[in-house]
Amino acid sequence: MELRDLEVFVACVELGSMTRAAKQCHMVQSAVSQAVARLERACGLPLLERQPGGVRPTEAGEVLTVHARGLLTAMGRAREDMQALAGLEKGTMRLGVLHTATPLVLAPLLQTLRNRHPGLRLQLQETSVAGLVDGLEAGTLDVGVVFLPATFPKFHVVPLAAVRLVVIGGDGVWSGSEDVNLATLREAAWVSFPPDNPGRRWLDESCAAAGFTPVIAAEVGSFIQLKEFVAAGVGLGMVPAGSVKAERAAGFLTGVSFSPVTDVRLGYVYRSPQLGITPSTLRRLLEETLGAMAPDVEGRAGALFQEGPARVVDGGSFSSAS
């Protein structure tokens, strides 16, 4: 099998058309048909079903597509590594970041990257923990930034900087306050994620330490939804302080630190063994930028962020005891 034939075949599968694949690969359509035919002869099985509206993979074609994507990704990384070794320092670092962590990570990482390695490109994917796991397993991501404590069965986990959580409310909820005892908010309504979400775990464990169970006014499926619901007065929220700096500066949200403090850290995960210069460069940049705090550990998978629609649980207003 030739890599070029595999590249053409994957284009046919992804675009659903030999005509569109020919255009993308800068080939005539007859050359695309010949590439697919060579692969079918090599496999001894039909790989594409020809239909009036285009093509779709057979069962054998679906299996080959998975392997072909892995081979093409590995080959692309090999070319980048050879360029780096030749002193060109070109390549793409593929980073997955949880939505809530992006404001904490992206700006300092990009600044360091621009100053230290201007020839390298950062490809960022904002996703859930489930998306990070899928990307790392498929090889489309080199590193995933996560919140800890959380454990993963197949990856190395590297803890980085500690993260300070704050309680947020709409404009004017906390005027001039610097800190609150969480126990004073036992009557408040809260906006949070579903129970199997790490963001919800922060809230549940923090409130448990303060001696109460939070009243959930709305369950949301994304960080953007959480901020909007809180700003609208549906309830309070608990988030990393650095993730709402812009909203607090603009007066869109207010926030305060609280006690007792919940232990949350930023960290990154990657699949080992991991070959290549650009992935190791990315890991080093994360450690230097955010501050490495502990050696690698391994463990079992934690709860997953689930993107989805918001669900109002209790429509009542929230109160903030002082």
Protein backbone atom coordinates (compact mmCIF):
# COMPACT_ATOMS: atom_id res chain seq x y z
CA MET A 1 0.00 0.00 0.00
CA GLU A 2 1.23 3.47 -0.89
CA LEU A 3 0.73 6.37 1.53
CA ARG A 4 -0.52 8.54 -1.32
CA ASP A 5 -3.20 5.97 -2.16
CA LEU A 6 -4.26 5.90 1.50
CA GLU A 7 -4.42 9.70 1.56
CA VAL A 8 -6.66 9.69 -1.51
CA PHE A 9 -8.85 6.95 -0.06
CA VAL A 10 -9.35 8.83 3.22
CA ALA A 11 -10.30 11.95 1.25
CA CYS A 12 -12.95 9.91 -0.62
CA VAL A 13 -14.38 8.66 2.67
CA GLU A 14 -14.36 12.05 4.38
CA LEU A 15 -15.78 13.96 1.41
CA GLY A 16 -18.15 11.20 0.25
CA SER A 17 -17.21 11.81 -3.36
CA MET A 18 -14.39 10.85 -5.72
CA THR A 19 -14.88 14.11 -7.60
CA ARG A 20 -14.41 16.22 -4.48
CA ALA A 21 -11.49 14.02 -3.39
CA ALA A 22 -9.82 14.56 -6.77
CA LYS A 23 -10.16 18.34 -6.36
CA GLN A 24 -8.78 18.29 -2.81
CA CYS A 25 -5.85 16.05 -3.77
CA HIS A 26 -5.15 18.01 -7.00
CA MET A 27 -5.68 14.93 -9.17
CA VAL A 28 -7.90 13.95 -12.08
CA GLN A 29 -10.81 11.71 -11.11
CA SER A 30 -9.47 8.74 -13.07
CA ALA A 31 -6.29 8.83 -10.92
CA VAL A 32 -8.44 8.75 -7.77
CA SER A 33 -10.33 5.72 -9.09
CA GLN A 34 -7.03 4.00 -9.86
CA ALA A 35 -5.71 4.68 -6.34
CA VAL A 36 -8.81 3.16 -4.76
CA ALA A 37 -8.61 0.19 -7.14
CA ARG A 38 -4.99 -0.47 -6.15
CA LEU A 39 -5.97 -0.52 -2.48
CA GLU A 40 -8.89 -2.86 -3.16
CA ARG A 41 -6.58 -5.24 -5.01
CA ALA A 42 -4.05 -5.11 -2.17
CA CYS A 43 -6.76 -5.81 0.43
CA GLY A 44 -8.70 -8.30 -1.64
CA LEU A 45 -11.93 -6.61 -0.56
CA PRO A 46 -14.19 -3.83 -1.86
CA LEU A 47 -13.53 -0.63 0.09
CA LEU A 48 -16.07 1.83 -1.34
CA GLU A 49 -19.68 1.49 -2.34
CA ARG A 50 -20.42 3.56 -5.44
CA GLN A 51 -23.80 5.31 -5.21
CA PRO A 52 -25.59 7.90 -7.38
CA GLY A 53 -24.82 10.65 -4.85
CA GLY A 54 -21.20 9.68 -4.21
CA VAL A 55 -19.37 6.94 -2.32
CA ARG A 56 -19.35 5.51 1.18
CA PRO A 57 -17.00 3.00 2.83
CA THR A 58 -17.82 -0.67 3.11
CA GLU A 59 -17.19 -2.46 6.40
CA ALA A 60 -13.64 -3.18 5.24
CA GLY A 61 -13.31 0.44 4.12
CA GLU A 62 -14.28 1.71 7.57
CA VAL A 63 -11.62 -0.47 9.19
CA LEU A 64 -8.98 0.66 6.70
CA THR A 65 -9.94 4.31 7.25
CA VAL A 66 -9.07 4.05 10.95
CA HIS A 67 -5.66 2.55 10.23
CA ALA A 68 -4.98 4.92 7.33
CA ARG A 69 -5.67 8.01 9.46
CA GLY A 70 -3.24 6.76 12.09
CA LEU A 71 -0.53 6.10 9.50
CA LEU A 72 -0.99 9.50 7.86
CA THR A 73 -0.87 11.29 11.22
CA ALA A 74 2.31 9.43 12.17
CA MET A 75 3.91 10.20 8.81
CA GLY A 76 3.11 13.89 9.13
CA ARG A 77 4.64 13.96 12.59
CA ALA A 78 7.75 12.18 11.27
CA ARG A 79 8.21 14.87 8.60
CA GLU A 80 7.87 17.61 11.23
CA ASP A 81 10.44 15.93 13.47
CA MET A 82 12.93 15.65 10.63
CA GLN A 83 12.46 19.35 9.88
CA ALA A 84 13.03 20.19 13.54
CA LEU A 85 16.19 18.08 13.66
CA ALA A 86 17.40 19.86 10.54
CA GLY A 87 17.11 23.14 12.43
CA LEU A 88 13.99 24.41 10.71
CA GLU A 89 11.82 24.13 13.86
CA LYS A 90 8.57 23.85 12.00
CA GLY A 91 5.63 21.75 13.04
CA THR A 92 2.27 21.67 14.74
CA MET A 93 1.61 21.07 18.43
CA ARG A 94 -1.86 19.61 18.95
CA LEU A 95 -3.32 20.67 22.30
CA GLY A 96 -6.71 19.80 23.76
CA VAL A 97 -8.07 22.04 26.53
CA LEU A 98 -11.21 21.94 28.62
CA HIS A 99 -13.46 24.95 27.95
CA THR A 100 -13.10 26.22 31.53
CA ALA A 101 -9.30 25.93 31.43
CA THR A 102 -8.74 27.83 28.17
CA PRO A 103 -8.66 31.32 29.77
CA LEU A 104 -6.07 30.06 32.27
CA VAL A 105 -3.76 28.42 29.74
CA LEU A 106 -3.97 29.96 26.29
CA ALA A 107 -2.60 33.52 26.72
CA PRO A 108 0.59 32.63 28.67
CA LEU A 109 1.26 29.60 26.47
CA LEU A 110 0.91 31.57 23.23
CA GLN A 111 3.18 34.32 24.53
CA THR A 112 5.89 31.84 25.51
CA LEU A 113 5.51 30.00 22.21
CA ARG A 114 5.83 33.20 20.19
CA ASN A 115 8.96 34.25 22.08
CA ARG A 116 10.69 30.88 22.20
CA HIS A 117 9.54 28.92 19.15
CA PRO A 118 8.09 31.26 16.50
CA GLY A 119 8.32 28.52 13.85
CA LEU A 120 5.98 26.17 15.71
CA ARG A 121 2.21 26.33 15.31
CA LEU A 122 -0.31 25.59 18.06
CA GLN A 123 -3.47 23.75 17.02
CA LEU A 124 -6.01 24.13 19.82
CA GLN A 125 -9.14 22.05 20.38
CA GLU A 126 -11.54 23.09 23.13
CA THR A 127 -13.51 20.05 24.21
CA SER A 128 -14.72 17.87 27.08
CA VAL A 129 -12.66 15.30 28.97
CA ALA A 130 -14.30 12.64 26.79
CA GLY A 131 -13.12 14.55 23.71
CA LEU A 132 -9.60 14.78 25.12
CA VAL A 133 -9.49 11.04 25.75
CA ASP A 134 -10.75 10.28 22.22
CA GLY A 135 -8.23 12.67 20.66
CA LEU A 136 -5.29 11.28 22.62
CA GLU A 137 -6.24 7.70 21.77
CA ALA A 138 -6.68 8.53 18.06
CA GLY A 139 -3.42 10.47 17.91
CA THR A 140 -5.11 13.72 16.80
CA LEU A 141 -4.07 15.38 20.09
CA ASP A 142 -0.60 15.35 21.65
CA VAL A 143 -1.51 16.67 25.08
CA GLY A 144 -4.72 17.42 26.99
CA VAL A 145 -5.02 20.04 29.74
CA VAL A 146 -7.33 18.93 32.56
CA PHE A 147 -8.35 19.81 36.09
CA LEU A 148 -7.17 17.59 38.92
CA PRO A 149 -7.78 15.58 41.00
CA ALA A 150 -8.81 13.19 38.23
CA THR A 151 -7.24 9.94 37.09
CA PHE A 152 -6.91 8.22 33.73
CA PRO A 153 -6.19 4.55 32.96
CA LYS A 154 -4.19 4.90 29.74
CA PHE A 155 -2.29 8.16 30.11
CA HIS A 156 0.41 9.85 32.13
CA VAL A 157 -0.94 12.63 34.33
CA VAL A 158 1.30 15.60 35.24
CA PRO A 159 0.01 18.03 37.90
CA LEU A 160 0.85 21.69 37.34
CA ALA A 161 -0.33 24.90 39.02
CA ALA A 162 -2.85 25.17 41.84
CA VAL A 163 -6.13 26.84 40.85
CA ARG A 164 -8.12 29.17 43.10
CA LEU A 165 -11.89 28.80 42.89
CA VAL A 166 -14.32 31.67 43.41
CA VAL A 167 -18.06 31.96 43.85
CA ILE A 168 -19.58 34.17 41.15
CA GLY A 169 -22.85 36.06 41.02
CA GLY A 170 -24.48 38.72 38.91
CA ASP A 171 -23.47 42.38 38.95
CA GLY A 172 -23.58 43.83 42.47
CA VAL A 173 -24.09 40.59 44.41
CA TRP A 174 -20.82 41.13 46.30
CA SER A 175 -19.85 44.76 46.51
CA GLY A 176 -16.46 45.12 48.14
CA SER A 177 -16.38 41.62 49.66
CA GLU A 178 -13.06 39.79 49.53
CA ASP A 179 -13.97 36.45 51.10
CA VAL A 180 -17.04 34.59 52.32
CA ASN A 181 -17.57 31.58 54.51
CA LEU A 182 -19.33 29.10 52.24
CA ALA A 183 -21.62 28.07 55.10
CA THR A 184 -23.33 31.47 54.83
CA LEU A 185 -24.53 30.49 51.35
CA ARG A 186 -26.40 27.35 52.42
CA GLU A 187 -29.73 28.91 51.38
CA ALA A 188 -28.47 30.08 48.00
CA ALA A 189 -29.48 28.56 44.67
CA TRP A 190 -26.66 27.39 42.39
CA VAL A 191 -25.99 26.95 38.68
CA SER A 192 -23.73 24.00 37.97
CA PHE A 193 -23.03 21.02 35.74
CA PRO A 194 -24.61 17.53 35.89
CA PRO A 195 -23.57 15.31 38.85
CA ASP A 196 -20.95 13.35 36.88
CA ASN A 197 -19.06 16.52 35.94
CA PRO A 198 -15.82 17.64 37.67
CA GLY A 199 -17.15 21.21 37.87
CA ARG A 200 -20.10 19.90 39.85
CA ARG A 201 -17.73 17.94 42.05
CA TRP A 202 -16.00 21.18 43.06
CA LEU A 203 -19.32 22.58 44.23
CA ASP A 204 -20.58 19.43 45.95
CA GLU A 205 -17.32 18.80 47.82
CA SER A 206 -16.88 22.44 48.82
CA CYS A 207 -20.41 22.68 50.18
CA ALA A 208 -20.06 19.34 51.97
CA ALA A 209 -16.94 20.67 53.70
CA ALA A 210 -19.03 23.66 54.80
CA GLY A 211 -21.76 21.37 56.16
CA PHE A 212 -24.55 21.54 53.58
CA THR A 213 -25.79 20.25 50.22
CA PRO A 214 -26.16 22.90 47.50
CA VAL A 215 -29.59 23.65 46.02
CA ILE A 216 -29.21 23.34 42.24
CA ALA A 217 -31.38 25.86 40.38
CA ALA A 218 -30.13 24.90 36.91
CA GLU A 219 -27.86 22.30 35.36
CA VAL A 220 -25.94 23.53 32.32
CA GLY A 221 -23.92 21.79 29.64
CA SER A 222 -21.16 24.34 29.02
CA PHE A 223 -19.12 27.00 30.79
CA ILE A 224 -20.63 29.72 28.58
CA GLN A 225 -24.11 28.69 29.68
CA LEU A 226 -23.07 28.76 33.33
CA LYS A 227 -21.84 32.35 33.09
CA GLU A 228 -24.97 33.48 31.28
CA PHE A 229 -27.29 31.81 33.80
CA VAL A 230 -25.41 33.34 36.72
CA ALA A 231 -25.42 36.81 35.14
CA ALA A 232 -29.19 36.48 34.61
CA GLY A 233 -29.68 35.88 38.35
CA VAL A 234 -30.69 32.21 38.21
CA GLY A 235 -28.13 31.27 40.86
CA LEU A 236 -24.52 31.43 42.00
CA GLY A 237 -21.68 29.56 40.34
CA MET A 238 -18.29 28.15 41.33
CA VAL A 239 -15.46 28.52 38.80
CA PRO A 240 -11.68 29.06 38.59
CA ALA A 241 -10.91 32.71 39.38
CA GLY A 242 -8.83 33.22 36.25
CA SER A 243 -11.59 32.02 33.94
CA VAL A 244 -13.88 34.99 34.62
CA LYS A 245 -11.38 37.87 34.82
CA ALA A 246 -12.80 39.63 31.78
CA GLU A 247 -16.41 39.33 32.95
CA ARG A 248 -15.55 40.60 36.42
CA ALA A 249 -13.55 43.53 35.02
CA ALA A 250 -16.49 44.46 32.79
CA GLY A 251 -18.98 44.26 35.67
CA PHE A 252 -20.84 41.42 33.97
CA LEU A 253 -20.16 39.16 36.96
CA THR A 254 -18.89 39.59 40.51
CA GLY A 255 -16.90 37.04 42.46
CA VAL A 256 -15.38 36.32 45.85
CA SER A 257 -12.98 33.81 47.33
CA PHE A 258 -14.42 31.43 49.89
CA SER A 259 -13.48 29.17 52.74
CA PRO A 260 -12.93 26.33 53.36
CA VAL A 261 -10.68 26.19 50.28
CA THR A 262 -11.10 23.36 47.72
CA ASP A 263 -7.94 21.80 46.28
CA VAL A 264 -8.00 22.07 42.46
CA ARG A 265 -4.99 21.94 40.14
CA LEU A 266 -4.32 22.27 36.47
CA GLY A 267 -2.51 19.38 34.88
CA TYR A 268 -1.91 17.73 31.55
CA VAL A 269 -2.25 14.19 30.25
CA TYR A 270 -0.51 12.43 27.38
CA ARG A 271 -0.18 8.96 25.96
CA SER A 272 3.07 7.13 26.60
CA PRO A 273 5.36 6.26 24.91
CA GLN A 274 5.14 9.51 22.97
CA LEU A 275 7.64 9.99 20.18
CA GLY A 276 8.40 13.27 18.49
CA ILE A 277 10.02 16.60 19.18
CA THR A 278 6.94 18.83 18.99
CA PRO A 279 4.91 16.88 21.63
CA SER A 280 7.83 16.97 24.07
CA THR A 281 8.28 20.68 23.35
CA LEU A 282 4.61 21.28 24.12
CA ARG A 283 4.86 19.42 27.41
CA ARG A 284 7.96 21.39 28.40
CA LEU A 285 6.27 24.70 27.52
CA LEU A 286 3.24 23.82 29.65
CA GLU A 287 5.47 22.96 32.58
CA GLU A 288 7.55 26.11 32.24
CA THR A 289 4.55 28.37 31.65
CA LEU A 290 2.21 27.06 34.33
CA GLY A 291 4.76 25.72 36.80
CA ALA A 292 5.37 21.98 37.25
CA MET A 293 4.51 20.85 40.76
CA ALA A 294 4.81 17.04 40.87
CA PRO A 295 6.18 14.02 38.95
CA ASP A 296 4.06 11.86 36.65
CA VAL A 297 1.35 9.72 38.19
CA GLU A 298 -1.04 7.23 36.68
CA GLY A 299 -4.51 6.08 37.59
CA ARG A 300 -8.08 5.42 36.55
CA ALA A 301 -10.37 7.60 34.48
CA GLY A 302 -12.23 10.38 36.24
CA ALA A 303 -15.63 11.93 35.56
CA LEU A 304 -16.28 13.59 32.20
CA PHE A 305 -17.39 17.04 31.19
CA GLN A 306 -20.58 16.54 29.18
CA GLU A 307 -21.56 19.23 26.69
CA GLY A 308 -25.30 19.57 26.31
CA PRO A 309 -28.40 21.71 26.80
CA ALA A 310 -29.12 23.56 30.01
CA ARG A 311 -31.79 22.11 32.30
CA VAL A 312 -33.61 24.26 34.82
CA VAL A 313 -34.06 22.24 38.01
CA ASP A 314 -35.66 24.84 40.26
CA GLY A 315 -36.85 28.15 38.93
CA GLY A 316 -36.66 29.99 42.26
CA SER A 317 -34.46 33.02 42.81
CA PHE A 318 -31.25 32.73 44.83
CA SER A 319 -30.37 34.42 48.04
CA SER A 320 -26.94 35.30 49.42
CA ALA A 321 -26.71 35.37 53.17
CA SER A 322 -24.12 37.78 54.55
